[in-house]
């Protein structure tokens, strides 16, 4: 919770700053759609008056929703920049391919096919290297193509439906992303970005992959 508090403070401070200094500092905004997916496995439990049930489950989770973000250049040069940004996603999550082995102390049952839909939130903070289109304060806005690559942290939240009830699935994870920006005019200026969050080492922790289709405002 301490890490989440720090991220919320930094993101809120950043967004408030972009509004407060919009008259003197260039603020780039995006609006669009995002979707992420991950294969999750874990354990959940339920205690009743007569028994305790433990579920060893696996499930596929998709999160999708509306994305709004803003970024501010902190360092610029002739053809690029380094920026700080926060593309926030708010939407829903769906679960599928559910399977669990439930043990109540005397027997094991296999449960399959459970589905659920819940609220989902993704709150990131990125530092990006931008090159080309819409990346610096000069005539790079007139270019037709640009790229960006960045890294940061993301807090994500949703709930999973399991055979023993709803389970919170959240995390404060490192995240990397990369994408392209295209469009010769404001009306045609879009970006496509790819993200990966989760523990970057190969230790069995779940990784979440995502894509965002955004209108550059």
N, C-alpha and C. Protein backbone atom coordinates (compact mmCIF):
# COMPACT_ATOMS: atom_id res chain seq x y z
N UNK A 1 0.82 -1.20 0.00
CA UNK A 1 0.00 0.00 0.00
C UNK A 1 0.86 1.26 0.00
N UNK A 2 2.04 1.19 0.60
CA UNK A 2 2.93 2.34 0.62
C UNK A 2 3.35 2.71 -0.80
N UNK A 3 3.72 1.68 -1.60
CA UNK A 3 4.12 1.94 -2.99
C UNK A 3 2.97 2.51 -3.78
N UNK A 4 1.75 1.96 -3.57
CA UNK A 4 0.58 2.48 -4.27
C UNK A 4 0.34 3.94 -3.90
N UNK A 5 0.49 4.26 -2.62
CA UNK A 5 0.31 5.63 -2.18
C UNK A 5 1.28 6.58 -2.86
N UNK A 6 2.53 6.16 -2.99
CA UNK A 6 3.53 6.98 -3.66
C UNK A 6 3.15 7.18 -5.12
N UNK A 7 2.71 6.09 -5.81
CA UNK A 7 2.34 6.21 -7.21
C UNK A 7 1.12 7.11 -7.37
N UNK A 8 0.12 6.97 -6.50
CA UNK A 8 -1.07 7.82 -6.58
C UNK A 8 -0.69 9.28 -6.38
N UNK A 9 0.18 9.54 -5.42
CA UNK A 9 0.62 10.92 -5.17
C UNK A 9 1.34 11.48 -6.38
N UNK A 10 2.28 10.71 -6.93
CA UNK A 10 3.07 11.19 -8.08
C UNK A 10 2.18 11.40 -9.30
N UNK A 11 1.26 10.46 -9.55
CA UNK A 11 0.37 10.59 -10.70
C UNK A 11 -0.57 11.77 -10.53
N UNK A 12 -1.15 11.91 -9.32
CA UNK A 12 -2.03 13.04 -9.08
C UNK A 12 -1.30 14.36 -9.19
N UNK A 13 -0.09 14.42 -8.66
CA UNK A 13 0.71 15.63 -8.75
C UNK A 13 1.03 15.95 -10.21
N UNK A 14 1.35 14.89 -10.99
CA UNK A 14 1.66 15.09 -12.40
C UNK A 14 0.47 15.62 -13.17
N UNK A 15 -0.72 14.98 -12.98
CA UNK A 15 -1.91 15.40 -13.71
C UNK A 15 -2.34 16.81 -13.30
N UNK A 16 -2.25 17.11 -12.00
CA UNK A 16 -2.59 18.46 -11.56
C UNK A 16 -1.63 19.49 -12.15
N UNK A 17 -0.37 19.10 -12.23
CA UNK A 17 0.61 20.02 -12.80
C UNK A 17 0.38 20.29 -14.27
N UNK A 18 -0.05 19.28 -15.02
CA UNK A 18 -0.30 19.49 -16.44
C UNK A 18 -1.44 20.47 -16.65
N UNK A 19 -2.43 20.43 -15.76
CA UNK A 19 -3.54 21.38 -15.87
C UNK A 19 -3.10 22.77 -15.46
N UNK A 20 -2.36 22.84 -14.35
CA UNK A 20 -1.97 24.13 -13.82
C UNK A 20 -1.01 24.88 -14.72
N UNK A 21 -0.16 24.14 -15.46
CA UNK A 21 0.84 24.79 -16.30
C UNK A 21 0.54 24.66 -17.79
N UNK A 22 -0.70 24.32 -18.12
CA UNK A 22 -1.07 24.10 -19.52
C UNK A 22 -0.86 25.34 -20.38
N UNK A 23 -0.92 26.54 -19.76
CA UNK A 23 -0.76 27.75 -20.52
C UNK A 23 0.69 28.01 -20.92
N UNK A 24 1.63 27.46 -20.17
CA UNK A 24 3.04 27.75 -20.43
C UNK A 24 3.85 26.53 -20.82
N UNK A 25 3.33 25.33 -20.59
CA UNK A 25 4.06 24.11 -20.88
C UNK A 25 3.24 23.28 -21.87
N UNK A 26 3.90 22.74 -22.87
CA UNK A 26 3.21 21.90 -23.84
C UNK A 26 2.77 20.59 -23.19
N UNK A 27 1.49 20.30 -23.30
CA UNK A 27 0.93 19.07 -22.76
C UNK A 27 0.33 18.27 -23.91
N UNK A 28 0.80 17.06 -24.13
CA UNK A 28 0.24 16.16 -25.15
C UNK A 28 -0.71 15.19 -24.47
N UNK A 29 -1.89 15.04 -25.06
CA UNK A 29 -2.91 14.17 -24.49
C UNK A 29 -3.29 13.07 -25.48
N UNK A 30 -3.80 11.96 -24.93
CA UNK A 30 -4.26 10.85 -25.76
C UNK A 30 -5.59 10.35 -25.20
N UNK A 31 -6.39 9.76 -26.08
CA UNK A 31 -7.67 9.20 -25.69
C UNK A 31 -7.96 8.02 -26.60
N UNK A 32 -8.39 6.89 -26.03
CA UNK A 32 -8.65 5.73 -26.88
C UNK A 32 -9.04 4.52 -26.08
N UNK A 33 -8.63 3.36 -26.58
CA UNK A 33 -9.02 2.07 -26.01
C UNK A 33 -7.77 1.25 -25.69
N UNK A 34 -7.89 0.41 -24.65
CA UNK A 34 -6.80 -0.47 -24.28
C UNK A 34 -7.32 -1.83 -23.88
N UNK A 35 -6.49 -2.84 -24.07
CA UNK A 35 -6.84 -4.20 -23.64
C UNK A 35 -5.57 -4.91 -23.18
N UNK A 36 -5.68 -5.68 -22.10
CA UNK A 36 -4.56 -6.46 -21.60
C UNK A 36 -5.03 -7.88 -21.33
N UNK A 37 -4.10 -8.80 -21.26
CA UNK A 37 -4.43 -10.19 -21.00
C UNK A 37 -3.32 -10.88 -20.23
N UNK A 38 -3.71 -11.84 -19.38
CA UNK A 38 -2.74 -12.59 -18.59
C UNK A 38 -3.32 -13.92 -18.18
N UNK A 39 -2.46 -14.91 -18.03
CA UNK A 39 -2.83 -16.21 -17.47
C UNK A 39 -2.42 -16.22 -16.01
N UNK A 40 -3.41 -16.40 -15.13
CA UNK A 40 -3.19 -16.28 -13.69
C UNK A 40 -3.41 -17.62 -13.02
N UNK A 41 -2.59 -17.93 -12.04
CA UNK A 41 -2.81 -19.09 -11.19
C UNK A 41 -2.59 -18.67 -9.75
N UNK A 42 -3.34 -19.30 -8.85
CA UNK A 42 -3.21 -18.93 -7.45
C UNK A 42 -3.99 -19.85 -6.54
N UNK A 43 -4.09 -19.46 -5.29
CA UNK A 43 -4.81 -20.24 -4.29
C UNK A 43 -5.82 -19.34 -3.60
N UNK A 44 -6.97 -19.89 -3.28
CA UNK A 44 -8.01 -19.15 -2.56
C UNK A 44 -8.67 -20.09 -1.57
N UNK A 45 -9.28 -19.52 -0.56
CA UNK A 45 -9.90 -20.35 0.47
C UNK A 45 -11.23 -19.81 0.93
N UNK A 46 -12.05 -20.71 1.49
CA UNK A 46 -13.35 -20.36 2.03
C UNK A 46 -13.58 -21.18 3.29
N UNK A 47 -13.91 -20.50 4.37
CA UNK A 47 -14.18 -21.18 5.64
C UNK A 47 -15.68 -21.08 5.93
N UNK A 48 -16.31 -22.23 6.12
CA UNK A 48 -17.73 -22.28 6.48
C UNK A 48 -17.86 -22.84 7.90
N UNK A 49 -19.11 -22.98 8.33
CA UNK A 49 -19.34 -23.50 9.68
C UNK A 49 -18.91 -24.96 9.82
N UNK A 50 -18.94 -25.67 8.69
CA UNK A 50 -18.67 -27.11 8.76
C UNK A 50 -17.32 -27.52 8.18
N UNK A 51 -16.73 -26.67 7.33
CA UNK A 51 -15.48 -27.09 6.69
C UNK A 51 -14.71 -25.89 6.17
N UNK A 52 -13.49 -26.16 5.75
CA UNK A 52 -12.65 -25.17 5.08
C UNK A 52 -12.30 -25.71 3.70
N UNK A 53 -12.54 -24.90 2.67
CA UNK A 53 -12.30 -25.32 1.29
C UNK A 53 -11.12 -24.52 0.74
N UNK A 54 -10.16 -25.22 0.17
CA UNK A 54 -9.02 -24.59 -0.47
C UNK A 54 -9.06 -24.88 -1.96
N UNK A 55 -8.92 -23.82 -2.77
CA UNK A 55 -8.98 -23.95 -4.23
C UNK A 55 -7.64 -23.57 -4.84
N UNK A 56 -7.11 -24.46 -5.65
CA UNK A 56 -5.90 -24.21 -6.43
C UNK A 56 -6.37 -23.95 -7.86
N UNK A 57 -6.35 -22.68 -8.31
CA UNK A 57 -7.04 -22.31 -9.55
C UNK A 57 -6.09 -21.73 -10.60
N UNK A 58 -6.57 -21.77 -11.83
CA UNK A 58 -5.93 -21.06 -12.94
C UNK A 58 -7.03 -20.44 -13.79
N UNK A 59 -6.76 -19.27 -14.35
CA UNK A 59 -7.79 -18.55 -15.09
C UNK A 59 -7.11 -17.57 -16.04
N UNK A 60 -7.76 -17.29 -17.16
CA UNK A 60 -7.28 -16.29 -18.10
C UNK A 60 -8.07 -15.01 -17.90
N UNK A 61 -7.36 -13.88 -17.76
CA UNK A 61 -7.99 -12.60 -17.46
C UNK A 61 -7.74 -11.63 -18.61
N UNK A 62 -8.80 -10.97 -19.06
CA UNK A 62 -8.70 -9.87 -20.01
C UNK A 62 -9.24 -8.61 -19.35
N UNK A 63 -8.52 -7.52 -19.47
CA UNK A 63 -8.98 -6.22 -18.99
C UNK A 63 -9.05 -5.28 -20.19
N UNK A 64 -10.15 -4.56 -20.30
CA UNK A 64 -10.30 -3.63 -21.41
C UNK A 64 -11.08 -2.41 -20.94
N UNK A 65 -10.82 -1.27 -21.59
CA UNK A 65 -11.51 -0.06 -21.17
C UNK A 65 -11.05 1.16 -21.94
N UNK A 66 -11.50 2.31 -21.44
CA UNK A 66 -11.18 3.61 -22.03
C UNK A 66 -9.89 4.13 -21.43
N UNK A 67 -9.05 4.67 -22.28
CA UNK A 67 -7.75 5.20 -21.85
C UNK A 67 -7.71 6.70 -22.05
N UNK A 68 -7.30 7.41 -21.02
CA UNK A 68 -6.99 8.84 -21.15
C UNK A 68 -5.63 9.08 -20.52
N UNK A 69 -4.82 9.85 -21.20
CA UNK A 69 -3.49 10.11 -20.66
C UNK A 69 -2.96 11.47 -21.08
N UNK A 70 -1.97 11.93 -20.35
CA UNK A 70 -1.28 13.17 -20.67
C UNK A 70 0.20 12.97 -20.44
N UNK A 71 1.00 13.68 -21.21
CA UNK A 71 2.45 13.60 -21.01
C UNK A 71 3.05 14.99 -21.18
N UNK A 72 4.16 15.20 -20.50
CA UNK A 72 4.87 16.47 -20.52
C UNK A 72 6.34 16.20 -20.82
N UNK A 73 6.90 16.91 -21.76
CA UNK A 73 8.32 16.78 -22.07
C UNK A 73 9.14 17.44 -20.97
N UNK A 74 10.14 16.72 -20.48
CA UNK A 74 11.02 17.29 -19.46
C UNK A 74 12.40 17.61 -20.03
N UNK A 75 12.77 16.96 -21.14
CA UNK A 75 14.00 17.25 -21.86
C UNK A 75 13.68 17.17 -23.34
N UNK A 76 14.09 18.16 -24.11
CA UNK A 76 13.84 18.16 -25.55
C UNK A 76 15.11 18.50 -26.31
N UNK A 77 15.18 18.02 -27.54
CA UNK A 77 16.23 18.42 -28.47
C UNK A 77 15.61 18.48 -29.86
N UNK A 78 16.43 18.61 -30.89
CA UNK A 78 15.91 18.93 -32.21
C UNK A 78 14.94 17.89 -32.75
N UNK A 79 15.19 16.59 -32.50
CA UNK A 79 14.35 15.56 -33.11
C UNK A 79 13.68 14.64 -32.09
N UNK A 80 13.75 14.97 -30.81
CA UNK A 80 13.15 14.07 -29.84
C UNK A 80 13.00 14.69 -28.48
N UNK A 81 12.59 13.84 -27.52
CA UNK A 81 12.36 14.33 -26.17
C UNK A 81 12.32 13.17 -25.20
N UNK A 82 12.43 13.49 -23.92
CA UNK A 82 12.13 12.58 -22.83
C UNK A 82 10.93 13.16 -22.10
N UNK A 83 9.91 12.31 -21.88
CA UNK A 83 8.67 12.81 -21.30
C UNK A 83 8.24 11.94 -20.13
N UNK A 84 7.36 12.51 -19.29
CA UNK A 84 6.70 11.80 -18.21
C UNK A 84 5.21 11.75 -18.56
N UNK A 85 4.59 10.57 -18.48
CA UNK A 85 3.19 10.45 -18.84
C UNK A 85 2.47 9.39 -18.04
N UNK A 86 1.12 9.47 -18.08
CA UNK A 86 0.30 8.53 -17.33
C UNK A 86 -0.98 8.23 -18.10
N UNK A 87 -0.98 7.20 -18.98
CA UNK A 87 -2.20 6.78 -19.68
C UNK A 87 -3.05 5.86 -18.80
N UNK A 88 -4.07 6.40 -18.17
CA UNK A 88 -4.90 5.66 -17.21
C UNK A 88 -6.01 4.93 -17.95
N UNK A 89 -6.25 3.67 -17.57
CA UNK A 89 -7.33 2.89 -18.17
C UNK A 89 -8.36 2.53 -17.11
N UNK A 90 -9.63 2.75 -17.43
CA UNK A 90 -10.74 2.37 -16.56
C UNK A 90 -11.74 1.58 -17.39
N UNK A 91 -12.09 0.40 -16.92
CA UNK A 91 -13.01 -0.43 -17.70
C UNK A 91 -13.45 -1.66 -16.94
N UNK A 92 -13.46 -2.79 -17.63
CA UNK A 92 -13.94 -4.04 -17.08
C UNK A 92 -12.92 -5.15 -17.30
N UNK A 93 -13.03 -6.19 -16.50
CA UNK A 93 -12.24 -7.40 -16.72
C UNK A 93 -13.20 -8.57 -16.91
N UNK A 94 -12.77 -9.52 -17.73
CA UNK A 94 -13.53 -10.76 -17.91
C UNK A 94 -12.58 -11.93 -17.68
N UNK A 95 -13.14 -13.02 -17.17
CA UNK A 95 -12.33 -14.21 -16.92
C UNK A 95 -12.88 -15.38 -17.71
N UNK A 96 -12.00 -16.26 -18.14
CA UNK A 96 -12.36 -17.46 -18.89
C UNK A 96 -11.33 -18.54 -18.68
N UNK A 97 -11.59 -19.70 -19.26
CA UNK A 97 -10.69 -20.86 -19.11
C UNK A 97 -10.42 -21.19 -17.65
N UNK A 98 -11.45 -21.04 -16.83
CA UNK A 98 -11.27 -21.27 -15.39
C UNK A 98 -11.18 -22.77 -15.10
N UNK A 99 -10.25 -23.11 -14.19
CA UNK A 99 -10.12 -24.48 -13.71
C UNK A 99 -9.54 -24.45 -12.30
N UNK A 100 -10.15 -25.17 -11.39
CA UNK A 100 -9.60 -25.25 -10.04
C UNK A 100 -9.80 -26.65 -9.49
N UNK A 101 -8.92 -27.02 -8.60
CA UNK A 101 -9.04 -28.26 -7.84
C UNK A 101 -9.33 -27.84 -6.40
N UNK A 102 -10.53 -28.16 -5.92
CA UNK A 102 -10.98 -27.76 -4.58
C UNK A 102 -10.87 -28.93 -3.62
N UNK A 103 -10.33 -28.65 -2.45
CA UNK A 103 -10.14 -29.69 -1.43
C UNK A 103 -10.79 -29.23 -0.12
N UNK A 104 -11.73 -30.02 0.38
CA UNK A 104 -12.46 -29.65 1.60
C UNK A 104 -12.00 -30.43 2.83
N UNK A 105 -10.87 -31.09 2.71
CA UNK A 105 -10.34 -31.86 3.82
C UNK A 105 -10.56 -33.35 3.69
N UNK A 106 -11.52 -33.75 2.86
CA UNK A 106 -11.81 -35.18 2.67
C UNK A 106 -11.80 -35.59 1.20
N UNK A 107 -12.18 -34.69 0.31
CA UNK A 107 -12.21 -35.05 -1.11
C UNK A 107 -11.83 -33.86 -1.97
N UNK A 108 -11.47 -34.19 -3.21
CA UNK A 108 -11.09 -33.16 -4.17
C UNK A 108 -12.12 -33.11 -5.30
N UNK A 109 -12.48 -31.88 -5.68
CA UNK A 109 -13.39 -31.66 -6.79
C UNK A 109 -12.71 -30.76 -7.81
N UNK A 110 -12.94 -31.05 -9.10
CA UNK A 110 -12.42 -30.21 -10.17
C UNK A 110 -13.56 -29.33 -10.70
N UNK A 111 -13.35 -28.01 -10.69
CA UNK A 111 -14.34 -27.05 -11.13
C UNK A 111 -13.83 -26.37 -12.39
N UNK A 112 -14.66 -26.32 -13.41
CA UNK A 112 -14.27 -25.67 -14.67
C UNK A 112 -15.40 -24.76 -15.15
N UNK A 113 -15.03 -23.82 -16.03
CA UNK A 113 -16.04 -23.06 -16.76
C UNK A 113 -16.58 -21.83 -16.09
N UNK A 114 -16.10 -21.45 -14.91
CA UNK A 114 -16.62 -20.25 -14.27
C UNK A 114 -16.20 -19.00 -15.04
N UNK A 115 -17.12 -18.03 -15.13
CA UNK A 115 -16.83 -16.76 -15.79
C UNK A 115 -17.28 -15.60 -14.90
N UNK A 116 -16.68 -14.46 -15.09
CA UNK A 116 -17.06 -13.30 -14.32
C UNK A 116 -16.65 -12.02 -15.01
N UNK A 117 -17.33 -10.93 -14.66
CA UNK A 117 -17.02 -9.59 -15.17
C UNK A 117 -16.96 -8.63 -14.00
N UNK A 118 -15.88 -7.88 -13.90
CA UNK A 118 -15.69 -6.99 -12.78
C UNK A 118 -15.05 -5.67 -13.25
N UNK A 119 -15.07 -4.68 -12.37
CA UNK A 119 -14.42 -3.40 -12.63
C UNK A 119 -12.91 -3.60 -12.72
N UNK A 120 -12.26 -2.86 -13.60
CA UNK A 120 -10.80 -2.95 -13.76
C UNK A 120 -10.20 -1.55 -13.86
N UNK A 121 -9.01 -1.40 -13.31
CA UNK A 121 -8.31 -0.13 -13.31
C UNK A 121 -6.83 -0.37 -13.55
N UNK A 122 -6.22 0.48 -14.38
CA UNK A 122 -4.77 0.47 -14.57
C UNK A 122 -4.27 1.89 -14.41
N UNK A 123 -3.33 2.09 -13.50
CA UNK A 123 -2.81 3.41 -13.19
C UNK A 123 -1.29 3.39 -13.31
N UNK A 124 -0.75 3.83 -14.46
CA UNK A 124 0.70 3.76 -14.67
C UNK A 124 1.36 5.14 -14.55
N UNK A 125 2.66 5.12 -14.47
CA UNK A 125 3.48 6.32 -14.58
C UNK A 125 4.74 5.93 -15.35
N UNK A 126 4.94 6.55 -16.55
CA UNK A 126 6.02 6.17 -17.45
C UNK A 126 6.97 7.33 -17.69
N UNK A 127 8.21 6.99 -17.94
CA UNK A 127 9.18 7.89 -18.55
C UNK A 127 9.49 7.34 -19.94
N UNK A 128 9.32 8.17 -20.97
CA UNK A 128 9.44 7.72 -22.36
C UNK A 128 10.51 8.50 -23.11
N UNK A 129 11.18 7.80 -24.02
CA UNK A 129 12.03 8.42 -25.02
C UNK A 129 11.22 8.51 -26.30
N UNK A 130 11.03 9.73 -26.83
CA UNK A 130 10.22 9.96 -28.03
C UNK A 130 11.10 10.48 -29.16
N UNK A 131 10.91 9.91 -30.34
CA UNK A 131 11.67 10.34 -31.51
C UNK A 131 10.70 10.51 -32.67
N UNK A 132 10.84 11.63 -33.40
CA UNK A 132 10.01 11.84 -34.58
C UNK A 132 8.73 12.56 -34.28
N UNK A 133 7.64 12.12 -34.87
CA UNK A 133 6.35 12.79 -34.84
C UNK A 133 5.94 13.18 -33.43
N UNK A 134 5.57 14.45 -33.26
CA UNK A 134 5.01 14.96 -32.02
C UNK A 134 5.87 14.65 -30.80
N UNK A 135 7.20 14.78 -30.99
CA UNK A 135 8.08 14.41 -29.88
C UNK A 135 8.83 15.59 -29.29
N UNK A 136 9.01 16.67 -30.04
CA UNK A 136 9.78 17.80 -29.54
C UNK A 136 9.04 19.09 -29.84
N UNK A 137 9.62 20.18 -29.41
CA UNK A 137 8.95 21.47 -29.53
C UNK A 137 9.17 22.15 -30.87
N UNK A 138 9.87 21.51 -31.79
CA UNK A 138 10.15 22.14 -33.08
C UNK A 138 9.18 21.60 -34.13
N UNK A 139 9.63 21.56 -35.39
CA UNK A 139 8.73 21.15 -36.47
C UNK A 139 8.56 19.65 -36.57
N UNK A 140 8.95 18.86 -35.53
CA UNK A 140 8.72 17.41 -35.57
C UNK A 140 7.23 17.09 -35.60
N UNK A 141 6.37 18.03 -35.21
CA UNK A 141 4.93 17.81 -35.34
C UNK A 141 4.53 17.65 -36.81
N UNK A 142 5.33 18.16 -37.72
CA UNK A 142 5.02 18.04 -39.14
C UNK A 142 5.50 16.73 -39.75
N UNK A 143 6.22 15.92 -38.98
CA UNK A 143 6.67 14.64 -39.49
C UNK A 143 5.49 13.67 -39.52
N UNK A 144 5.62 12.57 -40.28
CA UNK A 144 4.53 11.61 -40.45
C UNK A 144 4.66 10.37 -39.58
N UNK A 145 5.80 10.23 -38.91
CA UNK A 145 6.03 8.99 -38.18
C UNK A 145 6.91 9.27 -36.97
N UNK A 146 6.61 8.57 -35.89
CA UNK A 146 7.42 8.69 -34.69
C UNK A 146 7.37 7.40 -33.88
N UNK A 147 8.32 7.25 -32.99
CA UNK A 147 8.36 6.07 -32.12
C UNK A 147 8.58 6.51 -30.68
N UNK A 148 8.22 5.64 -29.76
CA UNK A 148 8.52 5.89 -28.36
C UNK A 148 8.79 4.57 -27.67
N UNK A 149 9.60 4.64 -26.62
CA UNK A 149 9.91 3.49 -25.80
C UNK A 149 10.09 3.99 -24.38
N UNK A 150 9.54 3.26 -23.41
CA UNK A 150 9.59 3.77 -22.06
C UNK A 150 9.49 2.67 -21.01
N UNK A 151 9.61 3.10 -19.76
CA UNK A 151 9.53 2.18 -18.63
C UNK A 151 8.97 2.94 -17.44
N UNK A 152 8.40 2.19 -16.51
CA UNK A 152 7.84 2.81 -15.32
C UNK A 152 7.22 1.76 -14.42
N UNK A 153 6.23 2.20 -13.66
CA UNK A 153 5.49 1.31 -12.77
C UNK A 153 4.00 1.46 -13.02
N UNK A 154 3.25 0.37 -12.75
CA UNK A 154 1.81 0.39 -12.94
C UNK A 154 1.12 -0.31 -11.79
N UNK A 155 0.08 0.35 -11.28
CA UNK A 155 -0.82 -0.31 -10.33
C UNK A 155 -2.06 -0.76 -11.09
N UNK A 156 -2.45 -2.01 -10.92
CA UNK A 156 -3.64 -2.55 -11.58
C UNK A 156 -4.54 -3.20 -10.53
N UNK A 157 -5.85 -3.14 -10.79
CA UNK A 157 -6.81 -3.70 -9.84
C UNK A 157 -8.00 -4.30 -10.58
N UNK A 158 -8.40 -5.48 -10.17
CA UNK A 158 -9.67 -6.07 -10.56
C UNK A 158 -9.97 -7.19 -9.57
N UNK A 159 -11.07 -7.91 -9.80
CA UNK A 159 -11.43 -9.05 -8.95
C UNK A 159 -11.70 -10.24 -9.85
N UNK A 160 -11.34 -11.42 -9.36
CA UNK A 160 -11.52 -12.67 -10.10
C UNK A 160 -12.63 -13.49 -9.45
N UNK A 161 -13.47 -14.09 -10.27
CA UNK A 161 -14.46 -15.01 -9.74
C UNK A 161 -13.84 -16.40 -9.65
N UNK A 162 -13.87 -16.99 -8.47
CA UNK A 162 -13.36 -18.35 -8.27
C UNK A 162 -14.46 -19.21 -7.66
N UNK A 163 -14.19 -20.47 -7.52
CA UNK A 163 -15.17 -21.41 -6.96
C UNK A 163 -15.43 -21.17 -5.48
N UNK A 164 -14.58 -20.40 -4.81
CA UNK A 164 -14.77 -20.11 -3.39
C UNK A 164 -15.04 -18.63 -3.16
N UNK A 165 -15.45 -17.90 -4.21
CA UNK A 165 -15.78 -16.49 -4.08
C UNK A 165 -14.84 -15.59 -4.86
N UNK A 166 -15.07 -14.29 -4.75
CA UNK A 166 -14.26 -13.32 -5.46
C UNK A 166 -12.90 -13.14 -4.79
N UNK A 167 -11.88 -13.00 -5.63
CA UNK A 167 -10.51 -12.81 -5.15
C UNK A 167 -9.96 -11.54 -5.77
N UNK A 168 -9.35 -10.70 -4.96
CA UNK A 168 -8.73 -9.48 -5.48
C UNK A 168 -7.47 -9.85 -6.26
N UNK A 169 -7.36 -9.30 -7.46
CA UNK A 169 -6.15 -9.45 -8.27
C UNK A 169 -5.62 -8.05 -8.54
N UNK A 170 -4.60 -7.67 -7.82
CA UNK A 170 -3.99 -6.36 -8.04
C UNK A 170 -2.49 -6.49 -7.91
N UNK A 171 -1.81 -5.45 -8.30
CA UNK A 171 -0.36 -5.50 -8.23
C UNK A 171 0.25 -4.15 -8.53
N UNK A 172 1.45 -3.95 -8.02
CA UNK A 172 2.25 -2.76 -8.29
C UNK A 172 3.52 -3.28 -8.94
N UNK A 173 3.57 -3.20 -10.28
CA UNK A 173 4.58 -3.93 -11.03
C UNK A 173 5.39 -3.01 -11.93
N UNK A 174 6.64 -3.37 -12.19
CA UNK A 174 7.40 -2.67 -13.24
C UNK A 174 6.75 -2.93 -14.59
N UNK A 175 6.87 -1.96 -15.48
CA UNK A 175 6.20 -2.06 -16.78
C UNK A 175 7.09 -1.42 -17.84
N UNK A 176 7.14 -2.02 -19.01
CA UNK A 176 7.83 -1.44 -20.16
C UNK A 176 6.83 -1.30 -21.30
N UNK A 177 7.10 -0.38 -22.19
CA UNK A 177 6.19 -0.17 -23.31
C UNK A 177 6.95 0.40 -24.51
N UNK A 178 6.35 0.26 -25.67
CA UNK A 178 6.90 0.80 -26.91
C UNK A 178 5.76 0.97 -27.89
N UNK A 179 5.93 1.91 -28.83
CA UNK A 179 4.86 2.11 -29.79
C UNK A 179 5.27 3.06 -30.90
N UNK A 180 4.32 3.31 -31.79
CA UNK A 180 4.53 4.20 -32.92
C UNK A 180 3.45 5.26 -32.95
N UNK A 181 3.77 6.40 -33.53
CA UNK A 181 2.81 7.47 -33.78
C UNK A 181 2.80 7.75 -35.27
N UNK A 182 1.61 7.90 -35.84
CA UNK A 182 1.49 8.14 -37.27
C UNK A 182 0.48 9.26 -37.50
N UNK A 183 0.56 9.89 -38.67
CA UNK A 183 -0.42 10.89 -39.05
C UNK A 183 0.22 12.21 -39.41
N UNK A 184 -0.14 12.73 -40.59
CA UNK A 184 0.43 13.98 -41.07
C UNK A 184 -0.33 15.21 -40.60
N UNK A 185 -1.54 15.02 -40.04
CA UNK A 185 -2.34 16.14 -39.55
C UNK A 185 -2.99 15.73 -38.25
N UNK A 186 -3.52 16.72 -37.52
CA UNK A 186 -4.12 16.45 -36.22
C UNK A 186 -5.26 15.45 -36.34
N UNK A 187 -6.08 15.58 -37.37
CA UNK A 187 -7.24 14.70 -37.53
C UNK A 187 -6.83 13.25 -37.76
N UNK A 188 -5.64 13.02 -38.26
CA UNK A 188 -5.19 11.67 -38.61
C UNK A 188 -4.05 11.19 -37.72
N UNK A 189 -3.84 11.83 -36.61
CA UNK A 189 -2.69 11.49 -35.78
C UNK A 189 -3.11 10.47 -34.72
N UNK A 190 -2.56 9.26 -34.82
CA UNK A 190 -2.89 8.17 -33.90
C UNK A 190 -1.60 7.51 -33.40
N UNK A 191 -1.75 6.71 -32.36
CA UNK A 191 -0.62 5.92 -31.87
C UNK A 191 -1.09 4.52 -31.52
N UNK A 192 -0.17 3.58 -31.67
CA UNK A 192 -0.39 2.19 -31.28
C UNK A 192 0.75 1.81 -30.35
N UNK A 193 0.39 1.34 -29.15
CA UNK A 193 1.41 1.01 -28.17
C UNK A 193 1.24 -0.38 -27.59
N UNK A 194 2.35 -0.97 -27.19
CA UNK A 194 2.36 -2.30 -26.60
C UNK A 194 3.02 -2.21 -25.23
N UNK A 195 2.47 -2.94 -24.26
CA UNK A 195 3.00 -2.91 -22.90
C UNK A 195 3.21 -4.33 -22.38
N UNK A 196 4.12 -4.44 -21.44
CA UNK A 196 4.28 -5.67 -20.68
C UNK A 196 4.58 -5.29 -19.25
N UNK A 197 3.80 -5.83 -18.32
CA UNK A 197 4.04 -5.56 -16.92
C UNK A 197 4.16 -6.87 -16.15
N UNK A 198 4.76 -6.77 -14.98
CA UNK A 198 4.99 -7.95 -14.16
C UNK A 198 6.46 -8.09 -13.86
N UNK A 199 6.79 -9.10 -13.09
CA UNK A 199 8.17 -9.37 -12.76
C UNK A 199 8.93 -9.76 -14.03
N UNK A 200 9.98 -9.02 -14.35
CA UNK A 200 10.69 -9.25 -15.61
C UNK A 200 11.62 -10.45 -15.55
N UNK A 201 11.89 -10.98 -14.37
CA UNK A 201 12.71 -12.18 -14.26
C UNK A 201 11.85 -13.41 -14.50
N UNK A 202 12.46 -14.49 -14.87
CA UNK A 202 11.73 -15.72 -15.19
C UNK A 202 11.60 -16.58 -13.94
N UNK A 203 10.70 -16.14 -13.04
CA UNK A 203 10.53 -16.87 -11.79
C UNK A 203 9.10 -17.39 -11.61
N UNK A 204 8.35 -17.45 -12.69
CA UNK A 204 6.99 -17.98 -12.62
C UNK A 204 5.92 -16.96 -12.33
N UNK A 205 6.30 -15.69 -12.05
CA UNK A 205 5.30 -14.66 -11.79
C UNK A 205 4.54 -14.34 -13.08
N UNK A 206 3.24 -14.01 -12.95
CA UNK A 206 2.46 -13.73 -14.16
C UNK A 206 2.92 -12.45 -14.84
N UNK A 207 2.89 -12.47 -16.14
CA UNK A 207 3.16 -11.27 -16.93
C UNK A 207 1.89 -10.90 -17.69
N UNK A 208 1.63 -9.61 -17.79
CA UNK A 208 0.44 -9.12 -18.46
C UNK A 208 0.86 -8.35 -19.69
N UNK A 209 0.30 -8.71 -20.84
CA UNK A 209 0.61 -8.05 -22.10
C UNK A 209 -0.59 -7.23 -22.56
N UNK A 210 -0.33 -6.08 -23.15
CA UNK A 210 -1.42 -5.23 -23.55
C UNK A 210 -1.15 -4.44 -24.82
N UNK A 211 -2.22 -3.88 -25.38
CA UNK A 211 -2.13 -3.03 -26.55
C UNK A 211 -3.09 -1.86 -26.36
N UNK A 212 -2.67 -0.69 -26.82
CA UNK A 212 -3.50 0.50 -26.75
C UNK A 212 -3.58 1.16 -28.11
N UNK A 213 -4.79 1.51 -28.52
CA UNK A 213 -5.06 2.24 -29.76
C UNK A 213 -5.56 3.61 -29.36
N UNK A 214 -4.78 4.67 -29.65
CA UNK A 214 -5.04 5.98 -29.08
C UNK A 214 -5.08 7.07 -30.14
N UNK A 215 -5.95 8.03 -29.92
CA UNK A 215 -5.98 9.26 -30.72
C UNK A 215 -5.08 10.27 -30.03
N UNK A 216 -4.10 10.79 -30.77
CA UNK A 216 -3.22 11.82 -30.23
C UNK A 216 -3.93 13.15 -30.32
N UNK A 217 -4.20 13.78 -29.17
CA UNK A 217 -4.95 15.03 -29.13
C UNK A 217 -4.04 16.25 -29.21
